[in-house]
Amino acid sequence: MHELSIAQALVDQVEAARQAHGGGRVVSIDVQIGEWQAVVPEILTGYFDYLAQGTPLEGARIFIEDVVATARCGGCGLVFESHAGYLPCPSCGSVACSVVAGKELHLTGVELDD
């Protein structure tokens, strides 16, 4: 259900960007979402569409870029996919790993109708 609060934050960010660039109707938005955010794209899109009703954001398409979860081993430096959270390094077995990607949740673009 955290998709509702994410959708509201996106609506707020898109509206601010829209106003900062002279207004107009929003055609599309681009969003990066990391795997560890556990966001269901269909639910996020549904909430965004609901919140955008009756606003210049209504009908905007949402393009979601999924970011694969990766970690870097502090022991050997290997960067590897880490779908289940912190796992031992597949190369050396170290558990001294840090997140490289997978926690993103960013609005990366807004396309406005001229």
N, C-alpha and C. Protein backbone atom coordinates (compact mmCIF):
# COMPACT_ATOMS: atom_id res chain seq x y z
N MET A 1 0.83 -1.20 0.00
CA MET A 1 0.00 0.00 0.00
C MET A 1 0.86 1.25 0.00
N HIS A 2 2.18 1.11 0.16
CA HIS A 2 3.04 2.29 0.14
C HIS A 2 3.06 2.95 -1.23
N GLU A 3 2.52 2.27 -2.24
CA GLU A 3 2.44 2.85 -3.58
C GLU A 3 1.59 4.13 -3.60
N LEU A 4 0.58 4.21 -2.72
CA LEU A 4 -0.25 5.42 -2.66
C LEU A 4 0.58 6.63 -2.25
N SER A 5 1.40 6.50 -1.23
CA SER A 5 2.21 7.64 -0.80
C SER A 5 3.27 7.98 -1.84
N ILE A 6 3.80 6.98 -2.53
CA ILE A 6 4.76 7.24 -3.61
C ILE A 6 4.07 7.97 -4.76
N ALA A 7 2.87 7.53 -5.12
CA ALA A 7 2.11 8.19 -6.19
C ALA A 7 1.81 9.63 -5.82
N GLN A 8 1.44 9.90 -4.57
CA GLN A 8 1.17 11.27 -4.15
C GLN A 8 2.43 12.13 -4.25
N ALA A 9 3.56 11.58 -3.83
CA ALA A 9 4.82 12.32 -3.94
C ALA A 9 5.17 12.60 -5.39
N LEU A 10 4.92 11.64 -6.28
CA LEU A 10 5.17 11.86 -7.70
C LEU A 10 4.27 12.96 -8.27
N VAL A 11 2.99 12.91 -7.92
CA VAL A 11 2.05 13.95 -8.37
C VAL A 11 2.54 15.32 -7.92
N ASP A 12 2.96 15.43 -6.67
CA ASP A 12 3.45 16.70 -6.14
C ASP A 12 4.70 17.17 -6.88
N GLN A 13 5.64 16.26 -7.13
CA GLN A 13 6.88 16.61 -7.82
C GLN A 13 6.61 17.00 -9.27
N VAL A 14 5.74 16.25 -9.94
CA VAL A 14 5.42 16.55 -11.33
C VAL A 14 4.71 17.89 -11.43
N GLU A 15 3.79 18.16 -10.52
CA GLU A 15 3.09 19.45 -10.54
C GLU A 15 4.06 20.60 -10.32
N ALA A 16 5.00 20.43 -9.40
CA ALA A 16 6.01 21.48 -9.17
C ALA A 16 6.86 21.69 -10.42
N ALA A 17 7.27 20.62 -11.07
CA ALA A 17 8.06 20.74 -12.29
C ALA A 17 7.24 21.38 -13.41
N ARG A 18 5.98 21.02 -13.50
CA ARG A 18 5.09 21.58 -14.51
C ARG A 18 4.98 23.08 -14.33
N GLN A 19 4.74 23.53 -13.14
CA GLN A 19 4.60 24.95 -12.87
C GLN A 19 5.91 25.70 -13.09
N ALA A 20 7.02 25.08 -12.74
CA ALA A 20 8.33 25.72 -12.91
C ALA A 20 8.70 25.90 -14.38
N HIS A 21 8.05 25.13 -15.25
CA HIS A 21 8.36 25.20 -16.67
C HIS A 21 7.20 25.77 -17.49
N GLY A 22 6.41 26.63 -16.88
CA GLY A 22 5.39 27.36 -17.61
C GLY A 22 4.04 26.71 -17.72
N GLY A 23 3.82 25.63 -17.03
CA GLY A 23 2.50 24.99 -17.05
C GLY A 23 2.33 24.10 -18.27
N GLY A 24 1.10 23.87 -18.63
CA GLY A 24 0.80 22.97 -19.73
C GLY A 24 0.40 21.60 -19.22
N ARG A 25 -0.06 20.79 -20.14
CA ARG A 25 -0.49 19.44 -19.80
C ARG A 25 0.72 18.51 -19.77
N VAL A 26 0.72 17.58 -18.82
CA VAL A 26 1.80 16.61 -18.70
C VAL A 26 1.49 15.43 -19.63
N VAL A 27 2.43 15.14 -20.52
CA VAL A 27 2.28 14.04 -21.48
C VAL A 27 2.78 12.73 -20.88
N SER A 28 3.97 12.79 -20.26
CA SER A 28 4.54 11.58 -19.69
C SER A 28 5.53 11.94 -18.59
N ILE A 29 5.81 10.93 -17.77
CA ILE A 29 6.84 11.08 -16.76
C ILE A 29 7.72 9.84 -16.79
N ASP A 30 8.97 10.02 -16.39
CA ASP A 30 9.93 8.93 -16.30
C ASP A 30 10.32 8.76 -14.83
N VAL A 31 10.32 7.52 -14.38
CA VAL A 31 10.61 7.22 -12.98
C VAL A 31 11.59 6.05 -12.92
N GLN A 32 12.60 6.17 -12.06
CA GLN A 32 13.50 5.05 -11.76
C GLN A 32 13.07 4.45 -10.43
N ILE A 33 12.89 3.13 -10.42
CA ILE A 33 12.51 2.46 -9.18
C ILE A 33 13.42 1.26 -8.97
N GLY A 34 14.12 1.28 -7.85
CA GLY A 34 15.00 0.18 -7.50
C GLY A 34 14.23 -1.04 -7.03
N GLU A 35 14.80 -2.17 -7.30
CA GLU A 35 14.19 -3.46 -6.95
C GLU A 35 13.87 -3.57 -5.46
N TRP A 36 14.71 -3.01 -4.60
CA TRP A 36 14.49 -3.13 -3.16
C TRP A 36 13.40 -2.21 -2.64
N GLN A 37 12.85 -1.36 -3.48
CA GLN A 37 11.72 -0.53 -3.08
C GLN A 37 10.43 -1.35 -3.00
N ALA A 38 10.42 -2.51 -3.65
CA ALA A 38 9.26 -3.42 -3.64
C ALA A 38 7.98 -2.72 -4.07
N VAL A 39 8.08 -1.97 -5.16
CA VAL A 39 6.93 -1.26 -5.71
C VAL A 39 6.31 -2.11 -6.81
N VAL A 40 4.99 -2.25 -6.78
CA VAL A 40 4.27 -2.95 -7.83
C VAL A 40 3.86 -1.89 -8.86
N PRO A 41 4.47 -1.93 -10.06
CA PRO A 41 4.24 -0.87 -11.04
C PRO A 41 2.76 -0.63 -11.38
N GLU A 42 1.99 -1.68 -11.51
CA GLU A 42 0.57 -1.54 -11.86
C GLU A 42 -0.20 -0.81 -10.77
N ILE A 43 0.14 -1.07 -9.53
CA ILE A 43 -0.54 -0.40 -8.42
C ILE A 43 -0.13 1.07 -8.37
N LEU A 44 1.16 1.34 -8.53
CA LEU A 44 1.65 2.72 -8.55
C LEU A 44 0.98 3.51 -9.67
N THR A 45 0.92 2.93 -10.85
CA THR A 45 0.29 3.60 -12.00
C THR A 45 -1.18 3.86 -11.74
N GLY A 46 -1.87 2.89 -11.15
CA GLY A 46 -3.29 3.07 -10.85
C GLY A 46 -3.53 4.20 -9.87
N TYR A 47 -2.73 4.26 -8.83
CA TYR A 47 -2.86 5.36 -7.86
C TYR A 47 -2.52 6.70 -8.49
N PHE A 48 -1.46 6.74 -9.30
CA PHE A 48 -1.09 7.99 -9.96
C PHE A 48 -2.25 8.47 -10.85
N ASP A 49 -2.81 7.56 -11.63
CA ASP A 49 -3.93 7.92 -12.51
C ASP A 49 -5.12 8.45 -11.70
N TYR A 50 -5.40 7.82 -10.58
CA TYR A 50 -6.50 8.25 -9.72
C TYR A 50 -6.25 9.66 -9.17
N LEU A 51 -5.05 9.89 -8.66
CA LEU A 51 -4.72 11.19 -8.07
C LEU A 51 -4.63 12.30 -9.11
N ALA A 52 -4.34 11.93 -10.35
CA ALA A 52 -4.18 12.92 -11.42
C ALA A 52 -5.51 13.33 -12.06
N GLN A 53 -6.58 12.63 -11.75
CA GLN A 53 -7.88 12.94 -12.35
C GLN A 53 -8.24 14.41 -12.12
N GLY A 54 -8.68 15.06 -13.22
CA GLY A 54 -9.13 16.44 -13.12
C GLY A 54 -8.01 17.46 -13.02
N THR A 55 -6.77 17.03 -13.23
CA THR A 55 -5.63 17.94 -13.17
C THR A 55 -4.91 17.90 -14.53
N PRO A 56 -3.96 18.80 -14.75
CA PRO A 56 -3.18 18.76 -15.99
C PRO A 56 -2.31 17.50 -16.12
N LEU A 57 -2.26 16.69 -15.08
CA LEU A 57 -1.50 15.44 -15.13
C LEU A 57 -2.34 14.27 -15.63
N GLU A 58 -3.65 14.48 -15.72
CA GLU A 58 -4.55 13.39 -16.14
C GLU A 58 -4.16 12.88 -17.52
N GLY A 59 -4.05 11.57 -17.63
CA GLY A 59 -3.73 10.93 -18.90
C GLY A 59 -2.24 10.80 -19.17
N ALA A 60 -1.40 11.31 -18.29
CA ALA A 60 0.04 11.21 -18.49
C ALA A 60 0.47 9.74 -18.43
N ARG A 61 1.38 9.39 -19.31
CA ARG A 61 1.92 8.03 -19.31
C ARG A 61 3.09 7.97 -18.35
N ILE A 62 3.22 6.87 -17.66
CA ILE A 62 4.33 6.68 -16.73
C ILE A 62 5.26 5.61 -17.30
N PHE A 63 6.51 6.00 -17.48
CA PHE A 63 7.53 5.07 -17.94
C PHE A 63 8.43 4.76 -16.75
N ILE A 64 8.44 3.49 -16.38
CA ILE A 64 9.19 3.06 -15.20
C ILE A 64 10.44 2.30 -15.65
N GLU A 65 11.58 2.78 -15.17
CA GLU A 65 12.84 2.08 -15.39
C GLU A 65 13.14 1.28 -14.12
N ASP A 66 13.18 -0.03 -14.25
CA ASP A 66 13.49 -0.89 -13.12
C ASP A 66 15.01 -0.92 -12.93
N VAL A 67 15.46 -0.72 -11.71
CA VAL A 67 16.88 -0.74 -11.39
C VAL A 67 17.17 -2.02 -10.61
N VAL A 68 18.03 -2.85 -11.16
CA VAL A 68 18.38 -4.12 -10.55
C VAL A 68 19.20 -3.89 -9.29
N ALA A 69 18.89 -4.63 -8.25
CA ALA A 69 19.63 -4.54 -6.99
C ALA A 69 21.02 -5.13 -7.17
N THR A 70 22.02 -4.32 -6.83
CA THR A 70 23.40 -4.80 -6.88
C THR A 70 24.14 -4.38 -5.62
N ALA A 71 25.17 -5.15 -5.32
CA ALA A 71 26.00 -4.88 -4.14
C ALA A 71 27.47 -4.98 -4.53
N ARG A 72 28.33 -4.35 -3.72
CA ARG A 72 29.78 -4.42 -3.93
C ARG A 72 30.40 -5.08 -2.70
N CYS A 73 31.25 -6.05 -2.96
CA CYS A 73 31.94 -6.74 -1.88
C CYS A 73 33.06 -5.86 -1.33
N GLY A 74 33.08 -5.69 -0.02
CA GLY A 74 34.14 -4.92 0.62
C GLY A 74 35.44 -5.69 0.69
N GLY A 75 35.37 -6.99 0.48
CA GLY A 75 36.58 -7.82 0.54
C GLY A 75 37.31 -7.87 -0.79
N CYS A 76 36.62 -8.30 -1.82
CA CYS A 76 37.29 -8.49 -3.12
C CYS A 76 36.89 -7.45 -4.16
N GLY A 77 35.86 -6.64 -3.86
CA GLY A 77 35.46 -5.58 -4.79
C GLY A 77 34.49 -6.00 -5.88
N LEU A 78 34.09 -7.24 -5.91
CA LEU A 78 33.15 -7.71 -6.92
C LEU A 78 31.81 -6.99 -6.79
N VAL A 79 31.26 -6.55 -7.92
CA VAL A 79 29.90 -6.00 -7.96
C VAL A 79 29.00 -7.11 -8.50
N PHE A 80 27.93 -7.41 -7.76
CA PHE A 80 27.07 -8.53 -8.15
C PHE A 80 25.61 -8.21 -7.88
N GLU A 81 24.72 -8.89 -8.61
CA GLU A 81 23.29 -8.74 -8.38
C GLU A 81 22.93 -9.36 -7.04
N SER A 82 22.06 -8.68 -6.32
CA SER A 82 21.71 -9.12 -4.96
C SER A 82 20.20 -9.01 -4.78
N HIS A 83 19.48 -9.92 -5.37
CA HIS A 83 18.01 -9.86 -5.39
C HIS A 83 17.36 -10.10 -4.03
N ALA A 84 17.99 -10.84 -3.17
CA ALA A 84 17.36 -11.20 -1.90
C ALA A 84 17.93 -10.40 -0.72
N GLY A 85 18.44 -9.23 -1.00
CA GLY A 85 19.03 -8.44 0.09
C GLY A 85 20.51 -8.71 0.19
N TYR A 86 21.05 -8.52 1.38
CA TYR A 86 22.49 -8.73 1.57
C TYR A 86 22.80 -10.21 1.58
N LEU A 87 23.57 -10.62 0.60
CA LEU A 87 23.99 -12.01 0.49
C LEU A 87 25.51 -12.04 0.59
N PRO A 88 26.05 -13.17 0.97
CA PRO A 88 27.51 -13.26 0.92
C PRO A 88 27.99 -13.07 -0.53
N CYS A 89 29.18 -12.53 -0.66
CA CYS A 89 29.78 -12.36 -1.99
C CYS A 89 29.89 -13.72 -2.68
N PRO A 90 29.43 -13.82 -3.91
CA PRO A 90 29.50 -15.11 -4.60
C PRO A 90 30.93 -15.50 -4.98
N SER A 91 31.86 -14.54 -4.90
CA SER A 91 33.24 -14.83 -5.25
C SER A 91 34.07 -15.27 -4.05
N CYS A 92 34.02 -14.46 -2.95
CA CYS A 92 34.90 -14.75 -1.80
C CYS A 92 34.14 -15.13 -0.53
N GLY A 93 32.81 -14.99 -0.53
CA GLY A 93 32.01 -15.36 0.63
C GLY A 93 31.91 -14.30 1.71
N SER A 94 32.54 -13.16 1.52
CA SER A 94 32.49 -12.08 2.51
C SER A 94 31.05 -11.56 2.65
N VAL A 95 30.70 -11.16 3.87
CA VAL A 95 29.40 -10.53 4.11
C VAL A 95 29.55 -9.01 4.25
N ALA A 96 30.74 -8.51 4.03
CA ALA A 96 31.02 -7.06 4.11
C ALA A 96 30.68 -6.43 2.76
N CYS A 97 29.39 -6.42 2.43
CA CYS A 97 28.94 -5.91 1.13
C CYS A 97 28.10 -4.66 1.34
N SER A 98 28.16 -3.75 0.36
CA SER A 98 27.36 -2.52 0.44
C SER A 98 26.51 -2.38 -0.80
N VAL A 99 25.42 -1.66 -0.64
CA VAL A 99 24.47 -1.44 -1.75
C VAL A 99 25.09 -0.52 -2.79
N VAL A 100 24.99 -0.91 -4.04
CA VAL A 100 25.41 -0.08 -5.16
C VAL A 100 24.18 0.49 -5.85
N ALA A 101 23.17 -0.33 -6.04
CA ALA A 101 21.94 0.10 -6.71
C ALA A 101 20.79 -0.78 -6.23
N GLY A 102 19.59 -0.25 -6.38
CA GLY A 102 18.40 -1.01 -6.03
C GLY A 102 17.48 -0.31 -5.07
N LYS A 103 17.93 0.83 -4.50
CA LYS A 103 17.09 1.59 -3.58
C LYS A 103 16.53 2.85 -4.21
N GLU A 104 16.77 3.05 -5.50
CA GLU A 104 16.34 4.27 -6.17
C GLU A 104 14.83 4.43 -6.19
N LEU A 105 14.41 5.68 -6.14
CA LEU A 105 13.01 6.05 -6.32
C LEU A 105 13.05 7.52 -6.74
N HIS A 106 13.22 7.74 -8.06
CA HIS A 106 13.47 9.08 -8.57
C HIS A 106 12.56 9.42 -9.74
N LEU A 107 12.06 10.63 -9.74
CA LEU A 107 11.43 11.20 -10.92
C LEU A 107 12.56 11.71 -11.78
N THR A 108 12.73 11.16 -12.98
CA THR A 108 13.87 11.53 -13.82
C THR A 108 13.50 12.35 -15.03
N GLY A 109 12.20 12.46 -15.32
CA GLY A 109 11.81 13.27 -16.48
C GLY A 109 10.33 13.57 -16.49
N VAL A 110 10.00 14.74 -17.04
CA VAL A 110 8.61 15.15 -17.21
C VAL A 110 8.50 15.75 -18.61
N GLU A 111 7.60 15.20 -19.43
CA GLU A 111 7.37 15.75 -20.76
C GLU A 111 6.06 16.53 -20.73
N LEU A 112 6.15 17.80 -21.15
CA LEU A 112 4.99 18.68 -21.18
C LEU A 112 4.54 18.90 -22.61
N ASP A 113 3.24 19.09 -22.78
CA ASP A 113 2.66 19.43 -24.07
C ASP A 113 2.85 20.93 -24.27
N ASP A 114 3.43 21.29 -25.39
CA ASP A 114 3.65 22.71 -25.66
C ASP A 114 2.35 23.34 -25.95
